[in-house]
Every structure is written in C-alpha cells, then in structure tokens.
C-alpha atoms as a PDB file:
ATOM      1  CA  MET A   1      82.626  86.339 116.117  1.00  0.00           C
ATOM      2  CA  ASN A   2      84.782  83.737 116.645  1.00  0.00           C
ATOM      3  CA  SER A   3      87.939  85.049 114.640  1.00  0.00           C
ATOM      4  CA  TYR A   4      89.220  88.744 113.235  1.00  0.00           C
ATOM      5  CA  ILE A   5      87.074  90.553 110.611  1.00  0.00           C
ATOM      6  CA  SER A   6      90.410  90.488 108.786  1.00  0.00           C
ATOM      7  CA  SER A   7      90.713  86.813 108.349  1.00  0.00           C
ATOM      8  CA  PRO A   8      89.874  86.303 104.710  1.00  0.00           C
ATOM      9  CA  GLY A   9      86.855  84.015 105.492  1.00  0.00           C
ATOM     10  CA  ASN A  10      85.257  86.941 107.946  1.00  0.00           C
ATOM     11  CA  THR A  11      85.939  89.344 105.262  1.00  0.00           C
ATOM     12  CA  ALA A  12      84.268  87.380 102.506  1.00  0.00           C
ATOM     13  CA  ARG A  13      81.156  86.656 104.211  1.00  0.00           C
ATOM     14  CA  ILE A  14      80.872  89.942 105.568  1.00  0.00           C
ATOM     15  CA  LEU A  15      80.932  91.226 101.830  1.00  0.00           C
ATOM     16  CA  ASN A  16      78.640  88.371 100.521  1.00  0.00           C
ATOM     17  CA  GLN A  17      76.535  89.124 103.757  1.00  0.00           C
ATOM     18  CA  TYR A  18      75.894  92.847 102.824  1.00  0.00           C
ATOM     19  CA  GLY A  19      76.151  92.516  98.770  1.00  0.00           C
ATOM     20  CA  ILE A  20      79.262  94.801  98.736  1.00  0.00           C
ATOM     21  CA  ARG A  21      80.669  94.862  95.466  1.00  0.00           C
ATOM     22  CA  LEU A  22      84.582  96.894  96.049  1.00  0.00           C
ATOM     23  CA  LYS A  23      84.730  99.658  93.927  1.00  0.00           C
ATOM     24  CA  LYS A  24      88.420 100.208  91.843  1.00  0.00           C
ATOM     25  CA  ASN A  25      87.700 103.821  91.831  1.00  0.00           C
ATOM     26  CA  LEU A  26      87.515 104.399  95.424  1.00  0.00           C
ATOM     27  CA  GLY A  27      90.939 102.454  95.686  1.00  0.00           C
ATOM     28  CA  GLN A  28      89.096  99.864  97.846  1.00  0.00           C
ATOM     29  CA  ASN A  29      91.639  96.974  99.078  1.00  0.00           C
ATOM     30  CA  PHE A  30      90.961  95.022 102.012  1.00  0.00           C
ATOM     31  CA  LEU A  31      93.277  93.556 104.296  1.00  0.00           C
ATOM     32  CA  ILE A  32      92.727  90.128 105.183  1.00  0.00           C
ATOM     33  CA  ASP A  33      95.583  89.490 107.119  1.00  0.00           C
ATOM     34  CA  THR A  34      95.560  89.682 110.947  1.00  0.00           C
ATOM     35  CA  ASN A  35      99.065  89.435 111.706  1.00  0.00           C
ATOM     36  CA  SER A  36     100.028  92.513 109.581  1.00  0.00           C
ATOM     37  CA  ALA A  37      97.109  94.149 111.035  1.00  0.00           C
ATOM     38  CA  LYS A  38      98.237  93.618 114.384  1.00  0.00           C
ATOM     39  CA  LYS A  39     101.936  94.951 113.425  1.00  0.00           C
ATOM     40  CA  ILE A  40     100.638  98.302 111.977  1.00  0.00           C
ATOM     41  CA  VAL A  41      98.389  99.010 115.590  1.00  0.00           C
ATOM     42  CA  LYS A  42     102.287  97.778 117.155  1.00  0.00           C
ATOM     43  CA  PHE A  43     103.930 100.066 114.941  1.00  0.00           C
ATOM     44  CA  ALA A  44     101.756 102.989 115.577  1.00  0.00           C
ATOM     45  CA  GLU A  45     102.345 102.324 119.656  1.00  0.00           C
ATOM     46  CA  VAL A  46      98.366 102.844 119.930  1.00  0.00           C
ATOM     47  CA  GLY A  47      97.980 103.210 123.871  1.00  0.00           C
ATOM     48  CA  PRO A  48      95.221 104.203 126.194  1.00  0.00           C
ATOM     49  CA  GLU A  49      96.034 108.190 125.660  1.00  0.00           C
ATOM     50  CA  ASP A  50      95.403 108.176 122.075  1.00  0.00           C
ATOM     51  CA  VAL A  51      92.626 109.453 119.916  1.00  0.00           C
ATOM     52  CA  ILE A  52      92.825 108.018 117.014  1.00  0.00           C
ATOM     53  CA  LEU A  53      92.367 108.924 113.203  1.00  0.00           C
ATOM     54  CA  GLU A  54      91.221 106.467 110.679  1.00  0.00           C
ATOM     55  CA  VAL A  55      90.454 107.169 107.451  1.00  0.00           C
ATOM     56  CA  GLY A  56      88.993 104.942 105.047  1.00  0.00           C
ATOM     57  CA  SER A  57      87.703 102.396 108.002  1.00  0.00           C
ATOM     58  CA  GLY A  58      85.928 100.161 105.707  1.00  0.00           C
ATOM     59  CA  ILE A  59      84.400  97.136 107.561  1.00  0.00           C
ATOM     60  CA  GLY A  60      86.235  98.129 110.251  1.00  0.00           C
ATOM     61  CA  SER A  61      89.239  95.411 109.778  1.00  0.00           C
ATOM     62  CA  LEU A  62      91.862  97.908 111.508  1.00  0.00           C
ATOM     63  CA  THR A  63      89.797  99.301 113.932  1.00  0.00           C
ATOM     64  CA  GLU A  64      88.817  96.206 115.512  1.00  0.00           C
ATOM     65  CA  VAL A  65      92.491  95.589 116.373  1.00  0.00           C
ATOM     66  CA  MET A  66      92.899  99.014 117.902  1.00  0.00           C
ATOM     67  CA  LEU A  67      89.936  99.551 119.564  1.00  0.00           C
ATOM     68  CA  PRO A  68      90.367  97.793 122.876  1.00  0.00           C
ATOM     69  CA  LEU A  69      94.310  99.995 122.803  1.00  0.00           C
ATOM     70  CA  ALA A  70      93.037 103.650 122.255  1.00  0.00           C
ATOM     71  CA  LYS A  71      91.190 105.923 124.128  1.00  0.00           C
ATOM     72  CA  LYS A  72      89.251 106.318 121.040  1.00  0.00           C
ATOM     73  CA  ILE A  73      88.583 105.963 117.191  1.00  0.00           C
ATOM     74  CA  ILE A  74      87.311 108.439 114.955  1.00  0.00           C
ATOM     75  CA  CYS A  75      86.971 106.494 111.298  1.00  0.00           C
ATOM     76  CA  VAL A  76      85.909 108.190 108.069  1.00  0.00           C
ATOM     77  CA  GLU A  77      84.345 106.254 105.115  1.00  0.00           C
ATOM     78  CA  ILE A  78      82.662 107.335 102.205  1.00  0.00           C
ATOM     79  CA  ASP A  79      81.149 103.967 101.061  1.00  0.00           C
ATOM     80  CA  ARG A  80      77.410 103.907 101.926  1.00  0.00           C
ATOM     81  CA  MET A  81      77.329 100.007 101.863  1.00  0.00           C
ATOM     82  CA  LEU A  82      80.348  99.866 103.890  1.00  0.00           C
ATOM     83  CA  ILE A  83      79.145 102.090 107.069  1.00  0.00           C
ATOM     84  CA  LYS A  84      76.215 100.198 106.984  1.00  0.00           C
ATOM     85  CA  ALA A  85      78.559  96.959 107.625  1.00  0.00           C
ATOM     86  CA  PHE A  86      80.582  99.047 110.032  1.00  0.00           C
ATOM     87  CA  ARG A  87      77.446 100.055 112.007  1.00  0.00           C
ATOM     88  CA  ASP A  88      76.417  96.502 112.198  1.00  0.00           C
ATOM     89  CA  ILE A  89      78.819  95.105 113.439  1.00  0.00           C
ATOM     90  CA  PHE A  90      80.185  98.198 115.887  1.00  0.00           C
ATOM     91  CA  ASP A  91      76.675  98.771 116.774  1.00  0.00           C
ATOM     92  CA  LYS A  92      77.393  98.821 120.774  1.00  0.00           C
ATOM     93  CA  ASN A  93      80.513 100.750 120.450  1.00  0.00           C
ATOM     94  CA  LEU A  94      79.392 103.116 118.105  1.00  0.00           C
ATOM     95  CA  LYS A  95      76.134 104.160 120.806  1.00  0.00           C
ATOM     96  CA  ASP A  96      78.847 104.823 123.042  1.00  0.00           C
ATOM     97  CA  GLU A  97      80.613 108.046 120.976  1.00  0.00           C
ATOM     98  CA  SER A  98      83.141 108.348 124.157  1.00  0.00           C
ATOM     99  CA  LYS A  99      84.978 105.306 122.340  1.00  0.00           C
ATOM    100  CA  LEU A 100      84.222 105.239 118.503  1.00  0.00           C
ATOM    101  CA  GLU A 101      82.807 107.752 115.759  1.00  0.00           C
ATOM    102  CA  LEU A 102      82.073 107.144 112.311  1.00  0.00           C
ATOM    103  CA  ILE A 103      82.015 109.784 109.546  1.00  0.00           C
ATOM    104  CA  GLN A 104      80.614 109.545 106.562  1.00  0.00           C
ATOM    105  CA  THR A 105      82.420 111.968 104.119  1.00  0.00           C
ATOM    106  CA  ASP A 106      84.471 112.140 101.431  1.00  0.00           C
ATOM    107  CA  ALA A 107      87.958 112.041 102.756  1.00  0.00           C
ATOM    108  CA  LEU A 108      89.528 114.652 100.673  1.00  0.00           C
ATOM    109  CA  LYS A 109      87.262 117.663 101.389  1.00  0.00           C
ATOM    110  CA  LEU A 110      87.108 117.426 105.369  1.00  0.00           C
ATOM    111  CA  ASP A 111      88.300 120.138 107.207  1.00  0.00           C
ATOM    112  CA  TYR A 112      91.349 118.044 109.175  1.00  0.00           C
ATOM    113  CA  TYR A 113      92.086 121.162 110.791  1.00  0.00           C
ATOM    114  CA  ASN A 114      88.974 121.394 112.444  1.00  0.00           C
ATOM    115  CA  LEU A 115      88.207 117.497 113.139  1.00  0.00           C
ATOM    116  CA  ALA A 116      92.004 117.157 114.860  1.00  0.00           C
ATOM    117  CA  GLY A 117      91.150 120.846 117.607  1.00  0.00           C
ATOM    118  CA  LYS A 118      87.612 119.052 117.947  1.00  0.00           C
ATOM    119  CA  TYR A 119      88.624 115.663 119.189  1.00  0.00           C
ATOM    120  CA  ASN A 120      92.479 116.575 119.590  1.00  0.00           C
ATOM    121  CA  ILE A 121      93.524 114.210 117.426  1.00  0.00           C
ATOM    122  CA  ARG A 122      97.404 113.635 117.319  1.00  0.00           C
ATOM    123  CA  LYS A 123      97.730 110.364 115.766  1.00  0.00           C
ATOM    124  CA  VAL A 124      96.361 108.760 112.439  1.00  0.00           C
ATOM    125  CA  VAL A 125      96.478 105.215 111.637  1.00  0.00           C
ATOM    126  CA  SER A 126      95.005 103.796 108.323  1.00  0.00           C
ATOM    127  CA  ASN A 127      95.260 101.806 105.526  1.00  0.00           C
ATOM    128  CA  LEU A 128      94.695 104.403 103.338  1.00  0.00           C
ATOM    129  CA  PRO A 129      92.865 103.874  99.964  1.00  0.00           C
ATOM    130  CA  TYR A 130      95.271 103.976  97.085  1.00  0.00           C
ATOM    131  CA  SER A 131      93.163 106.439  95.039  1.00  0.00           C
ATOM    132  CA  VAL A 132      93.512 109.355  97.189  1.00  0.00           C
ATOM    133  CA  ALA A 133      97.049 108.535  99.683  1.00  0.00           C
ATOM    134  CA  ALA A 134      99.244 110.544  98.242  1.00  0.00           C
ATOM    135  CA  PRO A 135      97.146 113.689  97.550  1.00  0.00           C
ATOM    136  CA  LEU A 136      95.738 112.908 100.959  1.00  0.00           C
ATOM    137  CA  LEU A 137      98.784 112.220 102.947  1.00  0.00           C
ATOM    138  CA  ILE A 138      99.735 116.133 101.887  1.00  0.00           C
ATOM    139  CA  LYS A 139      96.444 117.569 103.073  1.00  0.00           C
ATOM    140  CA  ILE A 140      96.360 116.032 106.420  1.00  0.00           C
ATOM    141  CA  LEU A 141     100.030 117.086 107.203  1.00  0.00           C
ATOM    142  CA  ILE A 142      98.966 120.592 106.252  1.00  0.00           C
ATOM    143  CA  GLU A 143      95.900 120.955 107.550  1.00  0.00           C
ATOM    144  CA  ALA A 144      96.245 118.679 110.813  1.00  0.00           C
ATOM    145  CA  LYS A 145      98.757 120.146 112.684  1.00  0.00           C
ATOM    146  CA  GLN A 146      98.384 118.756 116.212  1.00  0.00           C
ATOM    147  CA  VAL A 147      98.972 115.164 114.527  1.00  0.00           C
ATOM    148  CA  LYS A 148     102.548 113.993 114.646  1.00  0.00           C
ATOM    149  CA  LYS A 149     102.537 110.493 113.755  1.00  0.00           C
ATOM    150  CA  MET A 150     100.950 108.958 111.183  1.00  0.00           C
ATOM    151  CA  VAL A 151     101.508 104.877 110.551  1.00  0.00           C
ATOM    152  CA  LEU A 152     100.232 104.419 107.220  1.00  0.00           C
ATOM    153  CA  THR A 153      99.330 101.281 104.497  1.00  0.00           C
ATOM    154  CA  ILE A 154     100.363 102.400 101.129  1.00  0.00           C
ATOM    155  CA  GLN A 155     100.955 100.847  97.696  1.00  0.00           C
ATOM    156  CA  ARG A 156     104.337 100.387  97.014  1.00  0.00           C
ATOM    157  CA  ASP A 157     105.403 103.112  94.612  1.00  0.00           C
ATOM    158  CA  ILE A 158     103.941 105.114  96.546  1.00  0.00           C
ATOM    159  CA  ALA A 159     106.320 104.616  99.534  1.00  0.00           C
ATOM    160  CA  GLU A 160     109.075 104.547  97.218  1.00  0.00           C
ATOM    161  CA  ARG A 161     108.696 108.662  96.330  1.00  0.00           C
ATOM    162  CA  LEU A 162     108.403 109.658  99.611  1.00  0.00           C
ATOM    163  CA  LEU A 163     111.351 107.371 101.215  1.00  0.00           C
ATOM    164  CA  ALA A 164     113.515 108.292  97.895  1.00  0.00           C
ATOM    165  CA  SER A 165     117.042 109.945  97.815  1.00  0.00           C
ATOM    166  CA  VAL A 166     118.282 112.854  96.442  1.00  0.00           C
ATOM    167  CA  GLY A 167     119.257 111.862  92.947  1.00  0.00           C
ATOM    168  CA  ASP A 168     116.991 108.663  92.920  1.00  0.00           C
ATOM    169  CA  LYS A 169     114.383 108.328  89.903  1.00  0.00           C
ATOM    170  CA  ASN A 170     111.753 108.172  92.701  1.00  0.00           C
ATOM    171  CA  TYR A 171     112.469 111.780  93.789  1.00  0.00           C
ATOM    172  CA  SER A 172     110.328 114.131  92.795  1.00  0.00           C
ATOM    173  CA  SER A 173     108.582 117.457  93.282  1.00  0.00           C
ATOM    174  CA  TYR A 174     106.109 115.059  95.755  1.00  0.00           C
ATOM    175  CA  ALA A 175     109.224 113.589  97.342  1.00  0.00           C
ATOM    176  CA  VAL A 176     110.045 117.353  98.140  1.00  0.00           C
ATOM    177  CA  LYS A 177     106.750 118.557  99.365  1.00  0.00           C
ATOM    178  CA  ALA A 178     106.418 115.837 101.576  1.00  0.00           C
ATOM    179  CA  ASN A 179     109.204 115.870 103.225  1.00  0.00           C
ATOM    180  CA  PHE A 180     109.833 119.303 103.629  1.00  0.00           C
ATOM    181  CA  LEU A 181     106.726 118.596 106.450  1.00  0.00           C
ATOM    182  CA  ALA A 182     107.890 115.213 107.371  1.00  0.00           C
ATOM    183  CA  ASP A 183     110.283 112.550 108.282  1.00  0.00           C
ATOM    184  CA  PHE A 184     109.003 108.775 106.409  1.00  0.00           C
ATOM    185  CA  ASN A 185     110.223 105.338 107.739  1.00  0.00           C
ATOM    186  CA  PHE A 186     109.592 102.526 106.413  1.00  0.00           C
ATOM    187  CA  CYS A 187     108.307  99.714 108.682  1.00  0.00           C
ATOM    188  CA  PHE A 188     107.265  96.737 106.652  1.00  0.00           C
ATOM    189  CA  GLN A 189     105.974  95.407 103.406  1.00  0.00           C
ATOM    190  CA  ILE A 190     102.688  93.317 102.564  1.00  0.00           C
ATOM    191  CA  SER A 191     102.491  91.474  99.860  1.00  0.00           C
ATOM    192  CA  ARG A 192      99.164  92.081  97.707  1.00  0.00           C
ATOM    193  CA  SER A 193      97.760  88.526  98.653  1.00  0.00           C
ATOM    194  CA  CYS A 194      96.955  89.947 101.702  1.00  0.00           C
ATOM    195  CA  PHE A 195      94.132  91.896 100.189  1.00  0.00           C
ATOM    196  CA  LEU A 196      91.053  91.593  98.935  1.00  0.00           C
ATOM    197  CA  PRO A 197      90.850  91.754  95.722  1.00  0.00           C
ATOM    198  CA  ARG A 198      94.342  91.451  94.658  1.00  0.00           C
ATOM    199  CA  PRO A 199      96.039  94.727  93.614  1.00  0.00           C
ATOM    200  CA  PHE A 200      98.939  95.210  90.987  1.00  0.00           C
ATOM    201  CA  VAL A 201     101.303  96.369  93.426  1.00  0.00           C
ATOM    202  CA  ASP A 202     102.417  95.159  97.102  1.00  0.00           C
ATOM    203  CA  SER A 203     101.795  97.495  99.582  1.00  0.00           C
ATOM    204  CA  SER A 204     104.442  99.565 102.285  1.00  0.00           C
ATOM    205  CA  VAL A 205     103.570 100.428 105.894  1.00  0.00           C
ATOM    206  CA  ILE A 206     105.700 103.666 106.584  1.00  0.00           C
ATOM    207  CA  GLU A 207     105.924 105.787 109.826  1.00  0.00           C
ATOM    208  CA  VAL A 208     105.246 109.487 109.406  1.00  0.00           C
ATOM    209  CA  ILE A 209     106.922 112.123 111.972  1.00  0.00           C
ATOM    210  CA  ARG A 210     105.689 115.446 111.860  1.00  0.00           C
ATOM    211  CA  LYS A 211     109.267 117.650 111.266  1.00  0.00           C
ATOM    212  CA  ASN A 212     109.475 119.986 114.471  1.00  0.00           C
ATOM    213  CA  GLY A 213     108.355 123.842 113.973  1.00  0.00           C
ATOM    214  CA  GLY A 214     108.885 124.436 109.887  1.00  0.00           C
ATOM    215  CA  LEU A 215     111.019 125.889 108.099  1.00  0.00           C
ATOM    216  CA  LEU A 216     109.041 128.453 106.513  1.00  0.00           C
ATOM    217  CA  GLU A 217     106.366 128.827 109.457  1.00  0.00           C
ATOM    218  CA  GLY A 218     106.434 132.207 111.516  1.00  0.00           C
ATOM    219  CA  GLN A 219     108.597 134.144 108.523  1.00  0.00           C
ATOM    220  CA  GLY A 220     105.389 135.601 106.455  1.00  0.00           C
ATOM    221  CA  PHE A 221     105.997 132.596 103.491  1.00  0.00           C
ATOM    222  CA  ASP A 222     103.030 130.979 101.918  1.00  0.00           C
ATOM    223  CA  ILE A 223     103.855 127.096 101.774  1.00  0.00           C
ATOM    224  CA  MET A 224     100.853 126.362  98.386  1.00  0.00           C
ATOM    225  CA  ASP A 225     103.340 129.088  96.868  1.00  0.00           C
ATOM    226  CA  PHE A 226     106.587 127.739  98.029  1.00  0.00           C
ATOM    227  CA  PHE A 227     104.838 124.312  96.612  1.00  0.00           C
ATOM    228  CA  ASN A 228     103.749 125.802  92.970  1.00  0.00           C
ATOM    229  CA  PHE A 229     107.597 126.985  93.317  1.00  0.00           C
ATOM    230  CA  VAL A 230     108.739 123.258  93.650  1.00  0.00           C
ATOM    231  CA  ASP A 231     106.249 121.877  90.882  1.00  0.00           C
ATOM    232  CA  GLY A 232     108.191 124.591  88.505  1.00  0.00           C
ATOM    233  CA  CYS A 233     111.657 123.519  89.534  1.00  0.00           C
ATOM    234  CA  PHE A 234     110.507 120.137  88.536  1.00  0.00           C
ATOM    235  CA  LEU A 235     108.729 120.807  85.022  1.00  0.00           C
ATOM    236  CA  HIS A 236     110.092 119.984  82.843  1.00  0.00           C
ATOM    237  CA  ARG A 237     112.431 116.955  84.798  1.00  0.00           C
ATOM    238  CA  ARG A 238     115.527 115.864  81.978  1.00  0.00           C
ATOM    239  CA  LYS A 239     115.915 120.141  82.000  1.00  0.00           C
ATOM    240  CA  LYS A 240     117.813 121.896  83.470  1.00  0.00           C
ATOM    241  CA  LEU A 241     116.200 123.632  87.044  1.00  0.00           C
ATOM    242  CA  ILE A 242     116.635 127.398  85.590  1.00  0.00           C
ATOM    243  CA  ASN A 243     115.228 126.071  82.373  1.00  0.00           C
ATOM    244  CA  SER A 244     112.025 124.788  84.282  1.00  0.00           C
ATOM    245  CA  LEU A 245     111.733 127.787  86.501  1.00  0.00           C
ATOM    246  CA  ALA A 246     111.974 130.269  83.642  1.00  0.00           C
ATOM    247  CA  GLN A 247     109.148 128.118  81.746  1.00  0.00           C
ATOM    248  CA  SER A 248     107.095 127.796  84.420  1.00  0.00           C
ATOM    249  CA  ASP A 249     103.974 130.297  85.139  1.00  0.00           C
ATOM    250  CA  GLU A 250     105.376 131.961  88.486  1.00  0.00           C
ATOM    251  CA  GLY A 251     107.342 134.657  86.975  1.00  0.00           C
ATOM    252  CA  TYR A 252     111.058 133.477  87.473  1.00  0.00           C
ATOM    253  CA  CYS A 253     111.494 133.950  83.839  1.00  0.00           C
ATOM    254  CA  HIS A 254     113.250 137.226  84.567  1.00  0.00           C
ATOM    255  CA  LYS A 255     115.402 135.808  87.828  1.00  0.00           C
ATOM    256  CA  VAL A 256     117.852 133.506  85.827  1.00  0.00           C
ATOM    257  CA  GLU A 257     120.854 135.157  86.833  1.00  0.00           C
ATOM    258  CA  LEU A 258     119.291 135.802  90.399  1.00  0.00           C
ATOM    259  CA  ILE A 259     119.020 131.772  90.429  1.00  0.00           C
ATOM    260  CA  ILE A 260     122.258 131.084  88.733  1.00  0.00           C
ATOM    261  CA  LYS A 261     123.653 133.604  91.270  1.00  0.00           C
ATOM    262  CA  LEU A 262     122.230 131.183  94.564  1.00  0.00           C
ATOM    263  CA  LEU A 263     122.810 127.928  93.309  1.00  0.00           C
ATOM    264  CA  SER A 264     126.178 129.080  92.963  1.00  0.00           C
ATOM    265  CA  GLY A 265     125.732 129.522  96.574  1.00  0.00           C
ATOM    266  CA  LEU A 266     124.688 126.626  97.607  1.00  0.00           C
ATOM    267  CA  GLY A 267     128.060 125.206  95.245  1.00  0.00           C
ATOM    268  CA  LYS A 268     125.813 124.056  92.682  1.00  0.00           C
ATOM    269  CA  ASP A 269     126.220 124.367  88.904  1.00  0.00           C
ATOM    270  CA  LYS A 270     123.723 126.038  87.025  1.00  0.00           C
ATOM    271  CA  ASN A 271     123.334 123.243  85.047  1.00  0.00           C
ATOM    272  CA  ILE A 272     122.088 121.356  88.277  1.00  0.00           C
ATOM    273  CA  ARG A 273     118.818 119.411  87.222  1.00  0.00           C
ATOM    274  CA  ALA A 274     115.549 119.641  89.958  1.00  0.00           C
ATOM    275  CA  GLU A 275     116.115 115.921  91.435  1.00  0.00           C
ATOM    276  CA  GLU A 276     119.543 116.697  92.383  1.00  0.00           C
ATOM    277  CA  LEU A 277     118.661 119.301  95.415  1.00  0.00           C
ATOM    278  CA  ARG A 278     117.480 118.391  98.993  1.00  0.00           C
ATOM    279  CA  VAL A 279     114.388 120.121 101.058  1.00  0.00           C
ATOM    280  CA  GLU A 280     116.659 122.520 102.453  1.00  0.00           C
ATOM    281  CA  ASP A 281     118.129 123.886  99.452  1.00  0.00           C
ATOM    282  CA  TYR A 282     114.825 124.415  97.847  1.00  0.00           C
ATOM    283  CA  VAL A 283     113.932 126.845 100.617  1.00  0.00           C
ATOM    284  CA  TYR A 284     116.842 128.615 100.507  1.00  0.00           C
ATOM    285  CA  LEU A 285     116.670 129.265  96.504  1.00  0.00           C
ATOM    286  CA  TYR A 286     112.344 130.346  97.478  1.00  0.00           C
ATOM    287  CA  LYS A 287     113.082 132.204 100.467  1.00  0.00           C
ATOM    288  CA  ASN A 288     115.954 134.221  98.938  1.00  0.00           C
ATOM    289  CA  LEU A 289     113.810 134.754  95.145  1.00  0.00           C
ATOM    290  CA  ILE A 290     110.924 135.586  97.288  1.00  0.00           C
ATOM    291  CA  SER A 291     112.660 138.432  99.075  1.00  0.00           C
ATOM    292  CA  ASN A 292     113.831 139.817  95.953  1.00  0.00           C
ATOM    293  CA  ILE A 293     110.662 140.409  94.405  1.00  0.00           C
END
C-alpha cells in the first residue's frame, strides 16, 4: 500500500472491496485525513512502552499510525465486515500477538477492569463511535483505573459538554460526573469533511487525564450512588436545586432544611440552580447528606 489507510482513496477502495456499508446506528464515521490521525497520535505521546487500547478500530486508520510507535495495541470492534477487512490488512501483525490483538465485542459490554489489568493498559487512543462516546467514556474511567490518559476523537457537542464551565449552557450532570473522574483538555478540532460518511457535526480531539485518587475513594462512599445524587440535582434544570432533589427518587424530600443549611455553608443561596455548583460542591453536599441519613 503506497499511502495510508486514512487517505480518502484508500478508505473508499477498502470499503468498496469488502462491500462495507457503514451503519449510522453504530456511529461509524471513518477519519479520512492522515494529518489529523498523526496529530492525534502525537498528542497521545504514543511511545515504545505503551500498551494502547483503541475502541472502534474500524479498518485500522488510526491503528496503522500507532503500530510502529507503540509496544502493543489492543483493538475493539463489533462490526464483522470491518473485522474481516482489519484482519486481512493487519494479517502479519495479528499473527504476532505481542504487537497487535483484536477483540470482537460490544464496547459498552466489555469489562475494562479486567481488560486493563490483563494487558496493563494505561492509555486509550480512539476515534470513538459517535453513538456510544458519551457513556463509554464514563464507563472506562470508572472501571479501568489503570488508564491514566486518553486522547479521544468525539463529536463536538459532547466535547463542549465535557469542557463546560459552571453556569455554561452545556454544564450538566454529565459534565459534573465526568469532571469528578478526570480533567479534560481541548486538543484540536477536525472538520466534518474529514470523515466518511460526512457527519452532521464537526469533531473535537480531547485529552483526558484521570484525577489522582478520588474525592470519594477510600471513604466508604459509592460512586454510582453519588452519580444518582447528581442526576437528582439536575432533574429539573430550570428549577431550584432543592426542588429537583425533593422531587427525585433518591429520598431527599425530607432533607430540604439540611440541604439549605449545607448550601449556606458553601456560601450559596437556597434558590441556587444545579448548573451553578462546582464538582467539589456536589461532593460536599453528598458527603454531608449521606452522613446524616
């Protein structure tokens, strides 16, 4: 092959050769800009000691760029037609399992705790399928605590939610939960014209750095219970936080006076809305509410 898989001509040729019809329900949009692929790998600082997890490897556009640089790549793909093309393209590499492995499975059903432990994965570099990007990011952060860094291509609106500041229109329960687990940095934007088929939105490449330790770790608190609490706070976005919590299913309707007192301890008015509180404020409220149950 004279040029990269990610060149528009090669991608089109491979898809045509294998009779591949990309599925919108799986969020399949292939990067057809090699310069962007190389920039992603550069931001990820892929090196000879890295075992990389790539979710949604497709026909290997990003895999091809990383392969000469990484110690090993673990690829995850669900589409059988794409897997057939991938196996043919990377036949020699796959035969040497010390360098490249391919797992056929649904990325949302994968156990990332065991996967990361088995292969000692500390870095994820992926063009995430649009349809699963938001929940998958949280799932990996919760399960694979060995993973310290991710560089991900995601649709622009999800990136805006992750990067939103307190009070922004994109600041949501998702932003609070994600930023509880990690810090997010914008790397660069990729035009929708750099993908096949062309999506309706541009994409953003973001860097994800896991936060050291955890604001709740080692203190007997359950992270999923905390996330349910955050969801309850955002139940009615335009209502006061105390009203949302009182109407949630989490049993805080009898704790309104305590919530108001705790908000006062944060220097916040009882009329405050959910989008006006920082991640640390939510942790403070949750800890004190749980300890007073």
